[in-house]
Amino acid sequence: MDDLKSLSLEYFYNFSLKDIDSLSKMFASDCQLRDWENSAVGKEDVVAIYEKIFNSVDTIAVTPRALYEDSDTIIAELLITINGKEQILVTDIITYNDDREIISVRAYKG
């Protein structure tokens, strides 16, 4: 059984690479995304939001500052650097199903 912290680090790595294919494989078909600008339900719609985000930046780097695990959920404190300049603090709450697929990502700015 994969460790959820390791899976989450893989998710952040793929996000930083803007690797839609690898990210898509990590999502359950009924996954959900909610952040301060977007909301989506279902893998296809979630992937479309990620593509929109990735197309809006040249680079995006996710640096995990702390990871907390409880049951099927990871809470991650992140520093996200956009285009090598703009930095934002984000907290992600990522929930996994029994198959270790992401079923929910809730991202909070600040």
PDB file of N, CA and C in Angstrom:
ATOM      1  N   MET A   1       0.845  -1.179   0.000  1.00  0.00           N
ATOM      2  CA  MET A   1       0.000   0.000   0.000  1.00  0.00           C
ATOM      3  C   MET A   1       0.891   1.244   0.000  1.00  0.00           C
ATOM      4  N   ASP A   2       0.618   2.154  -0.919  1.00  0.00           N
ATOM      5  CA  ASP A   2       1.418   3.361  -1.021  1.00  0.00           C
ATOM      6  C   ASP A   2       1.126   4.311   0.127  1.00  0.00           C
ATOM      7  N   ASP A   3       2.167   4.933   0.609  1.00  0.00           N
ATOM      8  CA  ASP A   3       2.079   5.943   1.638  1.00  0.00           C
ATOM      9  C   ASP A   3       1.445   7.206   1.053  1.00  0.00           C
ATOM     10  N   LEU A   4       0.456   7.774   1.721  1.00  0.00           N
ATOM     11  CA  LEU A   4      -0.250   8.938   1.190  1.00  0.00           C
ATOM     12  C   LEU A   4       0.653  10.159   1.081  1.00  0.00           C
ATOM     13  N   LYS A   5       1.598  10.291   1.985  1.00  0.00           N
ATOM     14  CA  LYS A   5       2.533  11.421   1.879  1.00  0.00           C
ATOM     15  C   LYS A   5       3.360  11.300   0.606  1.00  0.00           C
ATOM     16  N   SER A   6       3.824  10.102   0.296  1.00  0.00           N
ATOM     17  CA  SER A   6       4.596   9.887  -0.932  1.00  0.00           C
ATOM     18  C   SER A   6       3.743  10.157  -2.170  1.00  0.00           C
ATOM     19  N   LEU A   7       2.508   9.688  -2.151  1.00  0.00           N
ATOM     20  CA  LEU A   7       1.602   9.954  -3.272  1.00  0.00           C
ATOM     21  C   LEU A   7       1.367  11.453  -3.446  1.00  0.00           C
ATOM     22  N   SER A   8       1.231  12.147  -2.345  1.00  0.00           N
ATOM     23  CA  SER A   8       1.008  13.590  -2.415  1.00  0.00           C
ATOM     24  C   SER A   8       2.244  14.310  -2.942  1.00  0.00           C
ATOM     25  N   LEU A   9       3.422  13.885  -2.543  1.00  0.00           N
ATOM     26  CA  LEU A   9       4.654  14.479  -3.074  1.00  0.00           C
ATOM     27  C   LEU A   9       4.760  14.228  -4.578  1.00  0.00           C
ATOM     28  N   GLU A  10       4.337  13.051  -5.027  1.00  0.00           N
ATOM     29  CA  GLU A  10       4.295  12.757  -6.462  1.00  0.00           C
ATOM     30  C   GLU A  10       3.306  13.693  -7.164  1.00  0.00           C
ATOM     31  N   TYR A  11       2.161  13.927  -6.553  1.00  0.00           N
ATOM     32  CA  TYR A  11       1.157  14.845  -7.099  1.00  0.00           C
ATOM     33  C   TYR A  11       1.757  16.254  -7.252  1.00  0.00           C
ATOM     34  N   PHE A  12       2.429  16.758  -6.211  1.00  0.00           N
ATOM     35  CA  PHE A  12       3.016  18.099  -6.278  1.00  0.00           C
ATOM     36  C   PHE A  12       4.132  18.163  -7.328  1.00  0.00           C
ATOM     37  N   TYR A  13       4.901  17.085  -7.444  1.00  0.00           N
ATOM     38  CA  TYR A  13       5.959  17.014  -8.457  1.00  0.00           C
ATOM     39  C   TYR A  13       5.350  17.089  -9.859  1.00  0.00           C
ATOM     40  N   ASN A  14       4.324  16.291 -10.109  1.00  0.00           N
ATOM     41  CA  ASN A  14       3.654  16.299 -11.422  1.00  0.00           C
ATOM     42  C   ASN A  14       2.993  17.649 -11.698  1.00  0.00           C
ATOM     43  N   PHE A  15       2.438  18.260 -10.656  1.00  0.00           N
ATOM     44  CA  PHE A  15       1.836  19.583 -10.808  1.00  0.00           C
ATOM     45  C   PHE A  15       2.915  20.589 -11.228  1.00  0.00           C
ATOM     46  N   SER A  16       4.063  20.540 -10.577  1.00  0.00           N
ATOM     47  CA  SER A  16       5.163  21.453 -10.904  1.00  0.00           C
ATOM     48  C   SER A  16       5.668  21.250 -12.326  1.00  0.00           C
ATOM     49  N   LEU A  17       5.582  20.029 -12.819  1.00  0.00           N
ATOM     50  CA  LEU A  17       5.980  19.737 -14.205  1.00  0.00           C
ATOM     51  C   LEU A  17       4.880  20.078 -15.203  1.00  0.00           C
ATOM     52  N   LYS A  18       3.703  20.426 -14.683  1.00  0.00           N
ATOM     53  CA  LYS A  18       2.515  20.648 -15.513  1.00  0.00           C
ATOM     54  C   LYS A  18       2.208  19.401 -16.345  1.00  0.00           C
ATOM     55  N   ASP A  19       2.373  18.240 -15.722  1.00  0.00           N
ATOM     56  CA  ASP A  19       2.213  16.938 -16.378  1.00  0.00           C
ATOM     57  C   ASP A  19       0.768  16.452 -16.241  1.00  0.00           C
ATOM     58  N   ILE A  20      -0.057  16.905 -17.156  1.00  0.00           N
ATOM     59  CA  ILE A  20      -1.488  16.580 -17.133  1.00  0.00           C
ATOM     60  C   ILE A  20      -1.736  15.073 -17.176  1.00  0.00           C
ATOM     61  N   ASP A  21      -0.991  14.349 -18.019  1.00  0.00           N
ATOM     62  CA  ASP A  21      -1.219  12.907 -18.144  1.00  0.00           C
ATOM     63  C   ASP A  21      -0.981  12.177 -16.828  1.00  0.00           C
ATOM     64  N   SER A  22       0.123  12.492 -16.162  1.00  0.00           N
ATOM     65  CA  SER A  22       0.418  11.836 -14.887  1.00  0.00           C
ATOM     66  C   SER A  22      -0.582  12.233 -13.812  1.00  0.00           C
ATOM     67  N   LEU A  23      -0.965  13.508 -13.788  1.00  0.00           N
ATOM     68  CA  LEU A  23      -1.963  13.953 -12.814  1.00  0.00           C
ATOM     69  C   LEU A  23      -3.296  13.262 -13.055  1.00  0.00           C
ATOM     70  N   SER A  24      -3.711  13.180 -14.296  1.00  0.00           N
ATOM     71  CA  SER A  24      -4.987  12.564 -14.636  1.00  0.00           C
ATOM     72  C   SER A  24      -5.060  11.125 -14.130  1.00  0.00           C
ATOM     73  N   LYS A  25      -3.951  10.404 -14.208  1.00  0.00           N
ATOM     74  CA  LYS A  25      -3.908   9.012 -13.742  1.00  0.00           C
ATOM     75  C   LYS A  25      -4.064   8.910 -12.229  1.00  0.00           C
ATOM     76  N   MET A  26      -3.807  10.006 -11.526  1.00  0.00           N
ATOM     77  CA  MET A  26      -3.902  10.000 -10.068  1.00  0.00           C
ATOM     78  C   MET A  26      -5.322  10.259  -9.569  1.00  0.00           C
ATOM     79  N   PHE A  27      -6.199  10.766 -10.458  1.00  0.00           N
ATOM     80  CA  PHE A  27      -7.555  11.150 -10.063  1.00  0.00           C
ATOM     81  C   PHE A  27      -8.550  10.008 -10.238  1.00  0.00           C
ATOM     82  N   ALA A  28      -9.461   9.893  -9.287  1.00  0.00           N
ATOM     83  CA  ALA A  28     -10.605   8.995  -9.441  1.00  0.00           C
ATOM     84  C   ALA A  28     -11.558   9.617 -10.459  1.00  0.00           C
ATOM     85  N   SER A  29     -12.377   8.794 -11.083  1.00  0.00           N
ATOM     86  CA  SER A  29     -13.291   9.305 -12.112  1.00  0.00           C
ATOM     87  C   SER A  29     -14.281  10.322 -11.552  1.00  0.00           C
ATOM     88  N   ASP A  30     -14.614  10.206 -10.275  1.00  0.00           N
ATOM     89  CA  ASP A  30     -15.585  11.113  -9.655  1.00  0.00           C
ATOM     90  C   ASP A  30     -14.921  12.175  -8.769  1.00  0.00           C
ATOM     91  N   CYS A  31     -13.671  12.499  -9.056  1.00  0.00           N
ATOM     92  CA  CYS A  31     -12.930  13.441  -8.223  1.00  0.00           C
ATOM     93  C   CYS A  31     -13.548  14.841  -8.268  1.00  0.00           C
ATOM     94  N   GLN A  32     -13.178  15.619  -7.260  1.00  0.00           N
ATOM     95  CA  GLN A  32     -13.681  16.991  -7.144  1.00  0.00           C
ATOM     96  C   GLN A  32     -12.518  17.931  -6.861  1.00  0.00           C
ATOM     97  N   LEU A  33     -12.650  19.163  -7.365  1.00  0.00           N
ATOM     98  CA  LEU A  33     -11.657  20.210  -7.129  1.00  0.00           C
ATOM     99  C   LEU A  33     -12.388  21.466  -6.698  1.00  0.00           C
ATOM    100  N   ARG A  34     -11.850  22.114  -5.667  1.00  0.00           N
ATOM    101  CA  ARG A  34     -12.369  23.413  -5.265  1.00  0.00           C
ATOM    102  C   ARG A  34     -11.196  24.262  -4.797  1.00  0.00           C
ATOM    103  N   ASP A  35     -11.070  25.449  -5.382  1.00  0.00           N
ATOM    104  CA  ASP A  35     -10.093  26.406  -4.896  1.00  0.00           C
ATOM    105  C   ASP A  35     -10.740  27.775  -4.846  1.00  0.00           C
ATOM    106  N   TRP A  36      -9.956  28.807  -4.668  1.00  0.00           N
ATOM    107  CA  TRP A  36     -10.502  30.157  -4.497  1.00  0.00           C
ATOM    108  C   TRP A  36     -11.039  30.751  -5.795  1.00  0.00           C
ATOM    109  N   GLU A  37     -10.833  30.073  -6.923  1.00  0.00           N
ATOM    110  CA  GLU A  37     -11.347  30.572  -8.203  1.00  0.00           C
ATOM    111  C   GLU A  37     -12.168  29.551  -8.982  1.00  0.00           C
ATOM    112  N   ASN A  38     -12.016  28.274  -8.684  1.00  0.00           N
ATOM    113  CA  ASN A  38     -12.596  27.216  -9.506  1.00  0.00           C
ATOM    114  C   ASN A  38     -13.309  26.167  -8.669  1.00  0.00           C
ATOM    115  N   SER A  39     -14.224  25.470  -9.343  1.00  0.00           N
ATOM    116  CA  SER A  39     -14.887  24.323  -8.754  1.00  0.00           C
ATOM    117  C   SER A  39     -15.226  23.365  -9.893  1.00  0.00           C
ATOM    118  N   ALA A  40     -14.933  22.086  -9.699  1.00  0.00           N
ATOM    119  CA  ALA A  40     -15.208  21.107 -10.744  1.00  0.00           C
ATOM    120  C   ALA A  40     -15.497  19.750 -10.108  1.00  0.00           C
ATOM    121  N   VAL A  41     -16.331  18.977 -10.799  1.00  0.00           N
ATOM    122  CA  VAL A  41     -16.668  17.619 -10.373  1.00  0.00           C
ATOM    123  C   VAL A  41     -16.488  16.699 -11.572  1.00  0.00           C
ATOM    124  N   GLY A  42     -15.780  15.595 -11.364  1.00  0.00           N
ATOM    125  CA  GLY A  42     -15.505  14.628 -12.423  1.00  0.00           C
ATOM    126  C   GLY A  42     -14.118  14.846 -13.006  1.00  0.00           C
ATOM    127  N   LYS A  43     -13.456  13.742 -13.318  1.00  0.00           N
ATOM    128  CA  LYS A  43     -12.076  13.799 -13.779  1.00  0.00           C
ATOM    129  C   LYS A  43     -11.903  14.730 -14.987  1.00  0.00           C
ATOM    130  N   GLU A  44     -12.788  14.636 -15.959  1.00  0.00           N
ATOM    131  CA  GLU A  44     -12.658  15.440 -17.175  1.00  0.00           C
ATOM    132  C   GLU A  44     -12.683  16.942 -16.861  1.00  0.00           C
ATOM    133  N   ASP A  45     -13.613  17.358 -16.004  1.00  0.00           N
ATOM    134  CA  ASP A  45     -13.721  18.778 -15.659  1.00  0.00           C
ATOM    135  C   ASP A  45     -12.560  19.240 -14.780  1.00  0.00           C
ATOM    136  N   VAL A  46     -12.119  18.373 -13.870  1.00  0.00           N
ATOM    137  CA  VAL A  46     -10.971  18.716 -13.024  1.00  0.00           C
ATOM    138  C   VAL A  46      -9.724  18.887 -13.887  1.00  0.00           C
ATOM    139  N   VAL A  47      -9.486  17.957 -14.793  1.00  0.00           N
ATOM    140  CA  VAL A  47      -8.322  18.048 -15.684  1.00  0.00           C
ATOM    141  C   VAL A  47      -8.392  19.319 -16.527  1.00  0.00           C
ATOM    142  N   ALA A  48      -9.579  19.694 -16.962  1.00  0.00           N
ATOM    143  CA  ALA A  48      -9.737  20.926 -17.754  1.00  0.00           C
ATOM    144  C   ALA A  48      -9.323  22.155 -16.939  1.00  0.00           C
ATOM    145  N   ILE A  49      -9.648  22.174 -15.659  1.00  0.00           N
ATOM    146  CA  ILE A  49      -9.228  23.292 -14.795  1.00  0.00           C
ATOM    147  C   ILE A  49      -7.711  23.324 -14.673  1.00  0.00           C
ATOM    148  N   TYR A  50      -7.096  22.166 -14.492  1.00  0.00           N
ATOM    149  CA  TYR A  50      -5.633  22.103 -14.396  1.00  0.00           C
ATOM    150  C   TYR A  50      -4.995  22.596 -15.698  1.00  0.00           C
ATOM    151  N   GLU A  51      -5.539  22.180 -16.831  1.00  0.00           N
ATOM    152  CA  GLU A  51      -5.005  22.649 -18.117  1.00  0.00           C
ATOM    153  C   GLU A  51      -5.115  24.163 -18.226  1.00  0.00           C
ATOM    154  N   LYS A  52      -6.242  24.716 -17.780  1.00  0.00           N
ATOM    155  CA  LYS A  52      -6.433  26.166 -17.801  1.00  0.00           C
ATOM    156  C   LYS A  52      -5.380  26.861 -16.932  1.00  0.00           C
ATOM    157  N   ILE A  53      -5.148  26.340 -15.738  1.00  0.00           N
ATOM    158  CA  ILE A  53      -4.134  26.903 -14.839  1.00  0.00           C
ATOM    159  C   ILE A  53      -2.761  26.827 -15.492  1.00  0.00           C
ATOM    160  N   PHE A  54      -2.402  25.656 -16.007  1.00  0.00           N
ATOM    161  CA  PHE A  54      -1.071  25.467 -16.590  1.00  0.00           C
ATOM    162  C   PHE A  54      -0.857  26.338 -17.815  1.00  0.00           C
ATOM    163  N   ASN A  55      -1.903  26.533 -18.613  1.00  0.00           N
ATOM    164  CA  ASN A  55      -1.785  27.374 -19.802  1.00  0.00           C
ATOM    165  C   ASN A  55      -1.656  28.857 -19.463  1.00  0.00           C
ATOM    166  N   SER A  56      -2.007  29.232 -18.247  1.00  0.00           N
ATOM    167  CA  SER A  56      -1.962  30.636 -17.853  1.00  0.00           C
ATOM    168  C   SER A  56      -0.612  31.059 -17.266  1.00  0.00           C
ATOM    169  N   VAL A  57       0.304  30.099 -17.094  1.00  0.00           N
ATOM    170  CA  VAL A  57       1.624  30.400 -16.508  1.00  0.00           C
ATOM    171  C   VAL A  57       2.724  29.758 -17.356  1.00  0.00           C
ATOM    172  N   ASP A  58       3.899  30.361 -17.290  1.00  0.00           N
ATOM    173  CA  ASP A  58       5.062  29.737 -17.940  1.00  0.00           C
ATOM    174  C   ASP A  58       5.593  28.607 -17.064  1.00  0.00           C
ATOM    175  N   THR A  59       5.755  28.910 -15.776  1.00  0.00           N
ATOM    176  CA  THR A  59       6.225  27.893 -14.834  1.00  0.00           C
ATOM    177  C   THR A  59       5.425  27.999 -13.548  1.00  0.00           C
ATOM    178  N   ILE A  60       5.347  26.873 -12.873  1.00  0.00           N
ATOM    179  CA  ILE A  60       4.705  26.830 -11.556  1.00  0.00           C
ATOM    180  C   ILE A  60       5.450  25.783 -10.737  1.00  0.00           C
ATOM    181  N   ALA A  61       5.901  26.177  -9.566  1.00  0.00           N
ATOM    182  CA  ALA A  61       6.669  25.265  -8.718  1.00  0.00           C
ATOM    183  C   ALA A  61       6.003  25.158  -7.358  1.00  0.00           C
ATOM    184  N   VAL A  62       5.742  23.942  -6.945  1.00  0.00           N
ATOM    185  CA  VAL A  62       5.117  23.681  -5.655  1.00  0.00           C
ATOM    186  C   VAL A  62       6.181  23.167  -4.697  1.00  0.00           C
ATOM    187  N   THR A  63       6.343  23.883  -3.587  1.00  0.00           N
ATOM    188  CA  THR A  63       7.294  23.475  -2.559  1.00  0.00           C
ATOM    189  C   THR A  63       6.519  23.167  -1.282  1.00  0.00           C
ATOM    190  N   PRO A  64       6.405  21.881  -0.950  1.00  0.00           N
ATOM    191  CA  PRO A  64       5.720  21.531   0.298  1.00  0.00           C
ATOM    192  C   PRO A  64       6.545  21.997   1.503  1.00  0.00           C
ATOM    193  N   ARG A  65       5.881  22.674   2.424  1.00  0.00           N
ATOM    194  CA  ARG A  65       6.538  23.125   3.660  1.00  0.00           C
ATOM    195  C   ARG A  65       6.228  22.180   4.812  1.00  0.00           C
ATOM    196  N   ALA A  66       5.032  21.594   4.801  1.00  0.00           N
ATOM    197  CA  ALA A  66       4.640  20.632   5.838  1.00  0.00           C
ATOM    198  C   ALA A  66       3.520  19.761   5.293  1.00  0.00           C
ATOM    199  N   LEU A  67       3.549  18.482   5.671  1.00  0.00           N
ATOM    200  CA  LEU A  67       2.501  17.534   5.291  1.00  0.00           C
ATOM    201  C   LEU A  67       1.984  16.853   6.548  1.00  0.00           C
ATOM    202  N   TYR A  68       0.666  16.793   6.651  1.00  0.00           N
ATOM    203  CA  TYR A  68       0.016  16.146   7.782  1.00  0.00           C
ATOM    204  C   TYR A  68      -0.926  15.077   7.224  1.00  0.00           C
ATOM    205  N   GLU A  69      -0.899  13.906   7.833  1.00  0.00           N
ATOM    206  CA  GLU A  69      -1.730  12.799   7.357  1.00  0.00           C
ATOM    207  C   GLU A  69      -2.691  12.360   8.446  1.00  0.00           C
ATOM    208  N   ASP A  70      -3.952  12.169   8.063  1.00  0.00           N
ATOM    209  CA  ASP A  70      -4.950  11.635   8.967  1.00  0.00           C
ATOM    210  C   ASP A  70      -5.874  10.736   8.167  1.00  0.00           C
ATOM    211  N   SER A  71      -5.824   9.457   8.434  1.00  0.00           N
ATOM    212  CA  SER A  71      -6.672   8.479   7.759  1.00  0.00           C
ATOM    213  C   SER A  71      -6.465   8.545   6.247  1.00  0.00           C
ATOM    214  N   ASP A  72      -7.472   9.029   5.498  1.00  0.00           N
ATOM    215  CA  ASP A  72      -7.395   9.057   4.041  1.00  0.00           C
ATOM    216  C   ASP A  72      -7.112  10.459   3.495  1.00  0.00           C
ATOM    217  N   THR A  73      -6.629  11.356   4.358  1.00  0.00           N
ATOM    218  CA  THR A  73      -6.493  12.760   3.992  1.00  0.00           C
ATOM    219  C   THR A  73      -5.094  13.296   4.291  1.00  0.00           C
ATOM    220  N   ILE A  74      -4.601  14.106   3.364  1.00  0.00           N
ATOM    221  CA  ILE A  74      -3.350  14.833   3.538  1.00  0.00           C
ATOM    222  C   ILE A  74      -3.670  16.320   3.582  1.00  0.00           C
ATOM    223  N   ILE A  75      -3.094  17.009   4.544  1.00  0.00           N
ATOM    224  CA  ILE A  75      -3.151  18.464   4.591  1.00  0.00           C
ATOM    225  C   ILE A  75      -1.728  18.940   4.323  1.00  0.00           C
ATOM    226  N   ALA A  76      -1.584  19.792   3.309  1.00  0.00           N
ATOM    227  CA  ALA A  76      -0.261  20.227   2.887  1.00  0.00           C
ATOM    228  C   ALA A  76      -0.164  21.746   2.900  1.00  0.00           C
ATOM    229  N   GLU A  77       0.841  22.238   3.617  1.00  0.00           N
ATOM    230  CA  GLU A  77       1.159  23.658   3.561  1.00  0.00           C
ATOM    231  C   GLU A  77       2.190  23.833   2.457  1.00  0.00           C
ATOM    232  N   LEU A  78       1.875  24.717   1.494  1.00  0.00           N
ATOM    233  CA  LEU A  78       2.680  24.823   0.285  1.00  0.00           C
ATOM    234  C   LEU A  78       3.111  26.263   0.012  1.00  0.00           C
ATOM    235  N   LEU A  79       4.261  26.371  -0.598  1.00  0.00           N
ATOM    236  CA  LEU A  79       4.689  27.631  -1.202  1.00  0.00           C
ATOM    237  C   LEU A  79       4.659  27.387  -2.707  1.00  0.00           C
ATOM    238  N   ILE A  80       3.871  28.181  -3.418  1.00  0.00           N
ATOM    239  CA  ILE A  80       3.767  28.032  -4.870  1.00  0.00           C
ATOM    240  C   ILE A  80       4.404  29.252  -5.516  1.00  0.00           C
ATOM    241  N   THR A  81       5.355  28.986  -6.399  1.00  0.00           N
ATOM    242  CA  THR A  81       6.052  30.054  -7.108  1.00  0.00           C
ATOM    243  C   THR A  81       5.613  30.025  -8.567  1.00  0.00           C
ATOM    244  N   ILE A  82       5.097  31.165  -9.031  1.00  0.00           N
ATOM    245  CA  ILE A  82       4.565  31.277 -10.384  1.00  0.00           C
ATOM    246  C   ILE A  82       5.513  32.124 -11.225  1.00  0.00           C
ATOM    247  N   ASN A  83       5.929  31.567 -12.364  1.00  0.00           N
ATOM    248  CA  ASN A  83       6.822  32.256 -13.301  1.00  0.00           C
ATOM    249  C   ASN A  83       8.110  32.736 -12.635  1.00  0.00           C
ATOM    250  N   GLY A  84       8.548  31.990 -11.623  1.00  0.00           N
ATOM    251  CA  GLY A  84       9.812  32.289 -10.959  1.00  0.00           C
ATOM    252  C   GLY A  84       9.799  33.534 -10.097  1.00  0.00           C
ATOM    253  N   LYS A  85       8.655  34.195  -9.976  1.00  0.00           N
ATOM    254  CA  LYS A  85       8.607  35.468  -9.251  1.00  0.00           C
ATOM    255  C   LYS A  85       7.527  35.510  -8.180  1.00  0.00           C
ATOM    256  N   GLU A  86       6.278  35.400  -8.602  1.00  0.00           N
ATOM    257  CA  GLU A  86       5.158  35.544  -7.669  1.00  0.00           C
ATOM    258  C   GLU A  86       5.070  34.318  -6.770  1.00  0.00           C
ATOM    259  N   GLN A  87       4.990  34.559  -5.464  1.00  0.00           N
ATOM    260  CA  GLN A  87       4.873  33.461  -4.515  1.00  0.00           C
ATOM    261  C   GLN A  87       3.573  33.597  -3.736  1.00  0.00           C
ATOM    262  N   ILE A  88       2.884  32.468  -3.597  1.00  0.00           N
ATOM    263  CA  ILE A  88       1.665  32.447  -2.787  1.00  0.00           C
ATOM    264  C   ILE A  88       1.718  31.256  -1.841  1.00  0.00           C
ATOM    265  N   LEU A  89       1.131  31.448  -0.676  1.00  0.00           N
ATOM    266  CA  LEU A  89       0.997  30.364   0.284  1.00  0.00           C
ATOM    267  C   LEU A  89      -0.367  29.720   0.075  1.00  0.00           C
ATOM    268  N   VAL A  90      -0.377  28.402   0.041  1.00  0.00           N
ATOM    269  CA  VAL A  90      -1.600  27.650  -0.210  1.00  0.00           C
ATOM    270  C   VAL A  90      -1.643  26.461   0.746  1.00  0.00           C
ATOM    271  N   THR A  91      -2.830  26.140   1.196  1.00  0.00           N
ATOM    272  CA  THR A  91      -3.042  24.904   1.942  1.00  0.00           C
ATOM    273  C   THR A  91      -3.950  24.013   1.114  1.00  0.00           C
ATOM    274  N   ASP A  92      -3.466  22.811   0.816  1.00  0.00           N
ATOM    275  CA  ASP A  92      -4.250  21.810   0.091  1.00  0.00           C
ATOM    276  C   ASP A  92      -4.746  20.754   1.070  1.00  0.00           C
ATOM    277  N   ILE A  93      -5.982  20.370   0.897  1.00  0.00           N
ATOM    278  CA  ILE A  93      -6.539  19.215   1.611  1.00  0.00           C
ATOM    279  C   ILE A  93      -6.879  18.202   0.528  1.00  0.00           C
ATOM    280  N   ILE A  94      -6.156  17.087   0.532  1.00  0.00           N
ATOM    281  CA  ILE A  94      -6.301  16.068  -0.511  1.00  0.00           C
ATOM    282  C   ILE A  94      -6.827  14.797   0.138  1.00  0.00           C
ATOM    283  N   THR A  95      -7.924  14.289  -0.417  1.00  0.00           N
ATOM    284  CA  THR A  95      -8.525  13.066   0.105  1.00  0.00           C
ATOM    285  C   THR A  95      -8.400  11.958  -0.938  1.00  0.00           C
ATOM    286  N   TYR A  96      -8.064  10.761  -0.462  1.00  0.00           N
ATOM    287  CA  TYR A  96      -7.860   9.591  -1.315  1.00  0.00           C
ATOM    288  C   TYR A  96      -8.929   8.537  -1.044  1.00  0.00           C
ATOM    289  N   ASN A  97      -9.233   7.742  -2.078  1.00  0.00           N
ATOM    290  CA  ASN A  97     -10.130   6.603  -1.884  1.00  0.00           C
ATOM    291  C   ASN A  97      -9.307   5.361  -1.529  1.00  0.00           C
ATOM    292  N   ASP A  98      -9.971   4.234  -1.386  1.00  0.00           N
ATOM    293  CA  ASP A  98      -9.285   2.998  -1.008  1.00  0.00           C
ATOM    294  C   ASP A  98      -8.304   2.507  -2.071  1.00  0.00           C
ATOM    295  N   ASP A  99      -8.484   2.951  -3.323  1.00  0.00           N
ATOM    296  CA  ASP A  99      -7.581   2.580  -4.409  1.00  0.00           C
ATOM    297  C   ASP A  99      -6.401   3.542  -4.530  1.00  0.00           C
ATOM    298  N   ARG A 100      -6.290   4.452  -3.556  1.00  0.00           N
ATOM    299  CA  ARG A 100      -5.205   5.450  -3.531  1.00  0.00           C
ATOM    300  C   ARG A 100      -5.302   6.427  -4.703  1.00  0.00           C
ATOM    301  N   GLU A 101      -6.525   6.684  -5.155  1.00  0.00           N
ATOM    302  CA  GLU A 101      -6.781   7.704  -6.165  1.00  0.00           C
ATOM    303  C   GLU A 101      -7.275   8.960  -5.446  1.00  0.00           C
ATOM    304  N   ILE A 102      -6.965  10.112  -6.002  1.00  0.00           N
ATOM    305  CA  ILE A 102      -7.418  11.368  -5.419  1.00  0.00           C
ATOM    306  C   ILE A 102      -8.905  11.544  -5.720  1.00  0.00           C
ATOM    307  N   ILE A 103      -9.686  11.742  -4.666  1.00  0.00           N
ATOM    308  CA  ILE A 103     -11.122  11.967  -4.860  1.00  0.00           C
ATOM    309  C   ILE A 103     -11.507  13.420  -4.593  1.00  0.00           C
ATOM    310  N   SER A 104     -10.612  14.156  -3.926  1.00  0.00           N
ATOM    311  CA  SER A 104     -10.933  15.546  -3.614  1.00  0.00           C
ATOM    312  C   SER A 104      -9.668  16.349  -3.385  1.00  0.00           C
ATOM    313  N   VAL A 105      -9.628  17.536  -3.996  1.00  0.00           N
ATOM    314  CA  VAL A 105      -8.586  18.517  -3.717  1.00  0.00           C
ATOM    315  C   VAL A 105      -9.294  19.823  -3.378  1.00  0.00           C
ATOM    316  N   ARG A 106      -9.036  20.301  -2.170  1.00  0.00           N
ATOM    317  CA  ARG A 106      -9.549  21.597  -1.751  1.00  0.00           C
ATOM    318  C   ARG A 106      -8.344  22.469  -1.441  1.00  0.00           C
ATOM    319  N   ALA A 107      -8.233  23.588  -2.139  1.00  0.00           N
ATOM    320  CA  ALA A 107      -7.072  24.461  -1.999  1.00  0.00           C
ATOM    321  C   ALA A 107      -7.509  25.811  -1.457  1.00  0.00           C
ATOM    322  N   TYR A 108      -6.773  26.289  -0.455  1.00  0.00           N
ATOM    323  CA  TYR A 108      -7.082  27.546   0.197  1.00  0.00           C
ATOM    324  C   TYR A 108      -5.851  28.459   0.146  1.00  0.00           C
ATOM    325  N   LYS A 109      -6.060  29.655  -0.324  1.00  0.00           N
ATOM    326  CA  LYS A 109      -4.985  30.629  -0.449  1.00  0.00           C
ATOM    327  C   LYS A 109      -4.789  31.353   0.877  1.00  0.00           C
ATOM    328  N   GLY A 110      -3.518  31.541   1.224  1.00  0.00           N
ATOM    329  CA  GLY A 110      -3.232  32.323   2.416  1.00  0.00           C
ATOM    330  C   GLY A 110      -2.562  31.522   3.503  1.00  0.00           C
TER     331      GLY A 110
END
